[in-house]
């Protein structure tokens, strides 16, 4: 493992550390994780913490646990269904290959109350904030004003970057080995704030569409979140629902 100290570490944090090591190849498929006693000693945690962390890894499809046998790695990434749902979401509303994020401002800043609520952090805590716009690649039309808030540990990934190559979540996963397990999306309407109005060429306060997304890691913590404002007249959202089992 990477030798991180575990004093005070909870089960979610321990699961994240082990998951990161698995993603980076510290343990190959079929290899055993360290024993419960070794994990307790190395990270200074209790038996319950270790067992809960391993349970989370089992639930994500990374390891397999059998009675009387070591816990073994069965995948280097979580089950594809988690990632697939995120990719499908991105394709559905044109946030992957069909659009380009253009960053105008990039800084680690203290969060105001609205941004703190978006990422579930304390006001005035410091996060990386990317401000800019999204443009449709084919037409070069501006489709949204974008705010992306990332945990400060990701700041080096976006230093001197004005046009990330691919979605933000893909940049984070490729560079760190941390995996987005879930994306939570909300769509609402509201009065357009001044910064977004300038980008979209509209009057401040007009009714517009706001999409927020929160990207969750294996521990259940928010890695980063985004807020995008769209023109109401240009916005279209489509979804298909498929029956899980035959009628």
Protein backbone atom coordinates (compact mmCIF):
# COMPACT_ATOMS: atom_id res chain seq x y z
CA UNK A 1 0.00 0.00 0.00
CA UNK A 2 0.98 3.64 -0.18
CA UNK A 3 1.91 3.91 3.47
CA UNK A 4 -0.71 6.46 4.43
CA UNK A 5 -1.21 6.78 8.13
CA UNK A 6 -4.54 5.46 9.29
CA UNK A 7 -4.79 7.10 12.70
CA UNK A 8 -8.39 8.21 12.99
CA UNK A 9 -9.25 6.68 9.61
CA UNK A 10 -12.82 5.48 9.21
CA UNK A 11 -14.08 2.57 7.09
CA UNK A 12 -14.97 4.73 4.11
CA UNK A 13 -11.52 6.32 4.05
CA UNK A 14 -9.80 2.96 4.40
CA UNK A 15 -11.87 1.55 1.53
CA UNK A 16 -10.84 4.51 -0.63
CA UNK A 17 -7.14 3.93 0.10
CA UNK A 18 -7.34 0.22 -0.74
CA UNK A 19 -9.44 0.88 -3.85
CA UNK A 20 -6.85 3.39 -5.05
CA UNK A 21 -4.07 0.85 -4.56
CA UNK A 22 -6.02 -1.78 -6.48
CA UNK A 23 -6.68 0.63 -9.35
CA UNK A 24 -2.97 1.47 -9.51
CA UNK A 25 -2.05 -2.20 -9.75
CA UNK A 26 -0.57 -2.73 -6.29
CA UNK A 27 -2.62 -5.93 -6.16
CA UNK A 28 -3.28 -7.91 -9.32
CA UNK A 29 -6.38 -9.93 -10.08
CA UNK A 30 -6.30 -13.10 -8.02
CA UNK A 31 -3.89 -11.70 -5.46
CA UNK A 32 -4.86 -11.58 -1.80
CA UNK A 33 -5.26 -8.40 0.17
CA UNK A 34 -3.32 -8.11 3.42
CA UNK A 35 -4.96 -9.98 6.27
CA UNK A 36 -7.30 -8.31 8.73
CA UNK A 37 -4.53 -8.27 11.34
CA UNK A 38 -2.08 -6.67 8.88
CA UNK A 39 -4.56 -3.96 7.92
CA UNK A 40 -5.33 -3.24 11.58
CA UNK A 41 -1.64 -2.91 12.38
CA UNK A 42 -0.70 -0.89 9.32
CA UNK A 43 -3.49 1.65 9.58
CA UNK A 44 -4.03 1.69 13.33
CA UNK A 45 -7.72 0.88 13.05
CA UNK A 46 -10.04 -1.62 14.68
CA UNK A 47 -11.49 -4.88 13.43
CA UNK A 48 -14.90 -3.35 12.70
CA UNK A 49 -13.33 -0.63 10.53
CA UNK A 50 -11.38 -3.17 8.48
CA UNK A 51 -14.40 -5.42 7.98
CA UNK A 52 -16.65 -2.55 6.95
CA UNK A 53 -14.02 -1.29 4.48
CA UNK A 54 -13.71 -4.75 2.93
CA UNK A 55 -17.50 -5.02 2.71
CA UNK A 56 -17.56 -1.81 0.69
CA UNK A 57 -14.93 -3.22 -1.66
CA UNK A 58 -16.95 -6.42 -2.06
CA UNK A 59 -20.09 -4.40 -2.85
CA UNK A 60 -18.21 -2.46 -5.53
CA UNK A 61 -17.07 -5.69 -7.19
CA UNK A 62 -13.35 -5.19 -6.57
CA UNK A 63 -12.71 -8.08 -4.20
CA UNK A 64 -14.22 -11.44 -3.28
CA UNK A 65 -14.43 -12.75 0.25
CA UNK A 66 -14.84 -16.45 1.07
CA UNK A 67 -15.02 -18.02 4.49
CA UNK A 68 -11.69 -19.50 5.54
CA UNK A 69 -9.83 -18.01 2.56
CA UNK A 70 -7.99 -14.72 1.96
CA UNK A 71 -9.87 -11.80 0.43
CA UNK A 72 -8.81 -11.72 -3.22
CA UNK A 73 -8.91 -9.05 -5.91
CA UNK A 74 -11.33 -9.91 -8.73
CA UNK A 75 -11.32 -6.60 -10.65
CA UNK A 76 -9.09 -3.54 -10.98
CA UNK A 77 -12.03 -1.18 -11.42
CA UNK A 78 -15.53 -1.21 -9.88
CA UNK A 79 -18.37 -2.90 -11.71
CA UNK A 80 -18.90 -1.45 -15.15
CA UNK A 81 -22.54 -0.66 -14.42
CA UNK A 82 -21.51 2.28 -12.25
CA UNK A 83 -19.30 3.82 -14.92
CA UNK A 84 -21.71 2.96 -17.72
CA UNK A 85 -24.53 4.86 -16.06
CA UNK A 86 -22.30 7.92 -15.85
CA UNK A 87 -21.16 7.61 -19.46
CA UNK A 88 -24.73 7.19 -20.63
CA UNK A 89 -25.68 10.28 -18.68
CA UNK A 90 -22.92 12.26 -20.31
CA UNK A 91 -23.89 11.17 -23.81
CA UNK A 92 -27.55 11.85 -23.11
CA UNK A 93 -27.19 15.56 -22.47
CA UNK A 94 -24.13 16.27 -24.59
CA UNK A 95 -21.49 16.52 -21.88
CA UNK A 96 -18.82 14.19 -23.20
CA UNK A 97 -17.65 13.92 -26.78
CA UNK A 98 -20.10 16.47 -28.17
CA UNK A 99 -19.06 19.42 -25.99
CA UNK A 100 -15.89 21.12 -24.83
CA UNK A 101 -15.35 22.76 -21.45
CA UNK A 102 -13.46 26.04 -21.76
CA UNK A 103 -12.02 27.27 -18.47
CA UNK A 104 -11.77 31.03 -17.98
CA UNK A 105 -10.93 31.07 -14.25
CA UNK A 106 -9.05 28.46 -12.25
CA UNK A 107 -8.33 28.97 -8.56
CA UNK A 108 -8.52 27.37 -5.12
CA UNK A 109 -11.00 29.57 -3.28
CA UNK A 110 -13.00 29.65 -0.02
CA UNK A 111 -16.52 28.42 -0.70
CA UNK A 112 -19.54 30.64 -0.27
CA UNK A 113 -22.68 29.12 1.24
CA UNK A 114 -24.21 28.07 -2.09
CA UNK A 115 -21.09 26.32 -3.33
CA UNK A 116 -20.47 24.73 0.07
CA UNK A 117 -23.99 23.27 -0.01
CA UNK A 118 -23.37 21.88 -3.50
CA UNK A 119 -20.33 19.86 -2.41
CA UNK A 120 -21.42 19.15 1.16
CA UNK A 121 -18.52 21.06 2.71
CA UNK A 122 -18.24 23.76 5.35
CA UNK A 123 -18.51 27.38 4.17
CA UNK A 124 -15.08 29.00 3.75
CA UNK A 125 -13.40 25.63 3.18
CA UNK A 126 -11.07 25.80 0.19
CA UNK A 127 -11.87 23.95 -3.05
CA UNK A 128 -10.69 24.22 -6.62
CA UNK A 129 -13.17 26.25 -8.65
CA UNK A 130 -13.24 26.16 -12.45
CA UNK A 131 -15.39 28.81 -14.11
CA UNK A 132 -16.11 28.89 -17.81
CA UNK A 133 -18.48 27.71 -20.47
CA UNK A 134 -19.41 24.66 -22.48
CA UNK A 135 -19.45 24.84 -26.23
CA UNK A 136 -20.95 22.40 -28.71
CA UNK A 137 -18.03 21.08 -30.74
CA UNK A 138 -19.83 20.79 -34.08
CA UNK A 139 -21.42 24.25 -34.15
CA UNK A 140 -19.12 26.05 -31.66
CA UNK A 141 -22.28 27.40 -30.04
CA UNK A 142 -22.11 28.21 -26.33
CA UNK A 143 -24.60 25.92 -24.60
CA UNK A 144 -24.01 26.60 -20.90
CA UNK A 145 -22.22 28.58 -18.24
CA UNK A 146 -20.23 26.09 -16.17
CA UNK A 147 -18.96 26.02 -12.60
CA UNK A 148 -16.99 22.97 -11.49
CA UNK A 149 -15.93 22.54 -7.85
CA UNK A 150 -13.27 19.94 -7.09
CA UNK A 151 -11.63 18.87 -3.85
CA UNK A 152 -8.37 20.81 -3.54
CA UNK A 153 -6.31 17.60 -3.93
CA UNK A 154 -7.21 17.67 -7.64
CA UNK A 155 -5.87 21.20 -8.23
CA UNK A 156 -2.55 20.08 -9.82
CA UNK A 157 -4.46 18.16 -12.51
CA UNK A 158 -5.96 21.36 -13.91
CA UNK A 159 -3.06 23.79 -13.48
CA UNK A 160 -2.56 25.72 -16.74
CA UNK A 161 -5.38 23.76 -18.42
CA UNK A 162 -7.91 25.80 -20.39
CA UNK A 163 -9.53 22.98 -22.39
CA UNK A 164 -9.50 19.60 -20.61
CA UNK A 165 -9.19 16.61 -22.90
CA UNK A 166 -12.40 14.75 -22.15
CA UNK A 167 -14.89 14.99 -19.29
CA UNK A 168 -13.61 16.20 -15.91
CA UNK A 169 -14.39 12.85 -14.27
CA UNK A 170 -12.28 11.03 -16.90
CA UNK A 171 -9.32 13.36 -16.29
CA UNK A 172 -9.54 12.72 -12.54
CA UNK A 173 -9.89 8.94 -12.88
CA UNK A 174 -7.04 8.59 -15.37
CA UNK A 175 -4.61 10.67 -13.32
CA UNK A 176 -5.40 9.46 -9.81
CA UNK A 177 -6.91 6.00 -10.00
CA UNK A 178 -9.85 7.24 -7.94
CA UNK A 179 -13.15 6.11 -9.40
CA UNK A 180 -16.49 7.87 -9.62
CA UNK A 181 -18.97 5.35 -8.24
CA UNK A 182 -22.12 7.43 -8.65
CA UNK A 183 -23.30 10.64 -10.29
CA UNK A 184 -26.32 12.41 -8.80
CA UNK A 185 -28.08 14.85 -11.08
CA UNK A 186 -30.74 17.47 -10.40
CA UNK A 187 -32.51 19.62 -13.00
CA UNK A 188 -34.33 22.76 -11.91
CA UNK A 189 -35.39 26.18 -13.15
CA UNK A 190 -34.49 29.51 -11.63
CA UNK A 191 -33.48 33.11 -12.25
CA UNK A 192 -30.27 33.36 -14.27
CA UNK A 193 -27.38 34.88 -12.24
CA UNK A 194 -25.33 37.71 -13.73
CA UNK A 195 -22.12 35.74 -14.58
CA UNK A 196 -24.13 33.11 -16.46
CA UNK A 197 -26.25 35.77 -18.17
CA UNK A 198 -23.13 37.40 -19.61
CA UNK A 199 -21.90 34.10 -21.05
CA UNK A 200 -25.28 33.12 -22.50
CA UNK A 201 -26.12 36.59 -23.83
CA UNK A 202 -29.31 36.90 -21.80
CA UNK A 203 -30.69 39.38 -19.30
CA UNK A 204 -29.95 38.61 -15.65
CA UNK A 205 -32.91 37.14 -13.82
CA UNK A 206 -34.64 35.50 -16.78
CA UNK A 207 -35.86 31.95 -16.23
CA UNK A 208 -33.20 29.39 -17.15
CA UNK A 209 -32.39 25.73 -16.64
CA UNK A 210 -29.86 24.75 -13.97
CA UNK A 211 -28.30 21.28 -13.92
CA UNK A 212 -26.24 20.24 -10.92
CA UNK A 213 -24.25 17.03 -10.65
CA UNK A 214 -22.41 15.54 -7.71
CA UNK A 215 -19.76 12.90 -8.35
CA UNK A 216 -19.39 10.38 -5.52
CA UNK A 217 -16.42 8.12 -4.70
CA UNK A 218 -16.39 4.67 -3.12
CA UNK A 219 -16.53 6.15 0.38
CA UNK A 220 -19.71 8.07 -0.38
CA UNK A 221 -17.87 11.41 -0.35
CA UNK A 222 -18.26 14.09 -3.01
CA UNK A 223 -15.12 14.27 -5.17
CA UNK A 224 -16.39 17.17 -7.24
CA UNK A 225 -19.60 18.78 -8.43
CA UNK A 226 -20.78 20.95 -11.29
CA UNK A 227 -23.44 23.57 -11.90
CA UNK A 228 -24.46 24.40 -15.47
CA UNK A 229 -26.90 27.09 -16.57
CA UNK A 230 -28.69 26.62 -19.93
CA UNK A 231 -31.04 28.78 -21.98
CA UNK A 232 -34.55 27.49 -21.34
CA UNK A 233 -35.61 27.69 -24.99
CA UNK A 234 -32.64 25.61 -26.17
CA UNK A 235 -32.80 22.88 -23.56
CA UNK A 236 -34.11 19.40 -24.33
CA UNK A 237 -33.81 16.39 -22.06
CA UNK A 238 -34.66 12.84 -23.16
CA UNK A 239 -34.57 9.57 -21.27
CA UNK A 240 -35.55 6.01 -22.15
CA UNK A 241 -36.86 3.59 -19.55
CA UNK A 242 -36.46 -0.14 -20.12
CA UNK A 243 -38.25 -2.88 -18.22
CA UNK A 244 -35.80 -4.98 -16.18
CA UNK A 245 -37.80 -8.17 -16.64
CA UNK A 246 -40.31 -9.30 -19.28
CA UNK A 247 -43.97 -8.56 -18.46
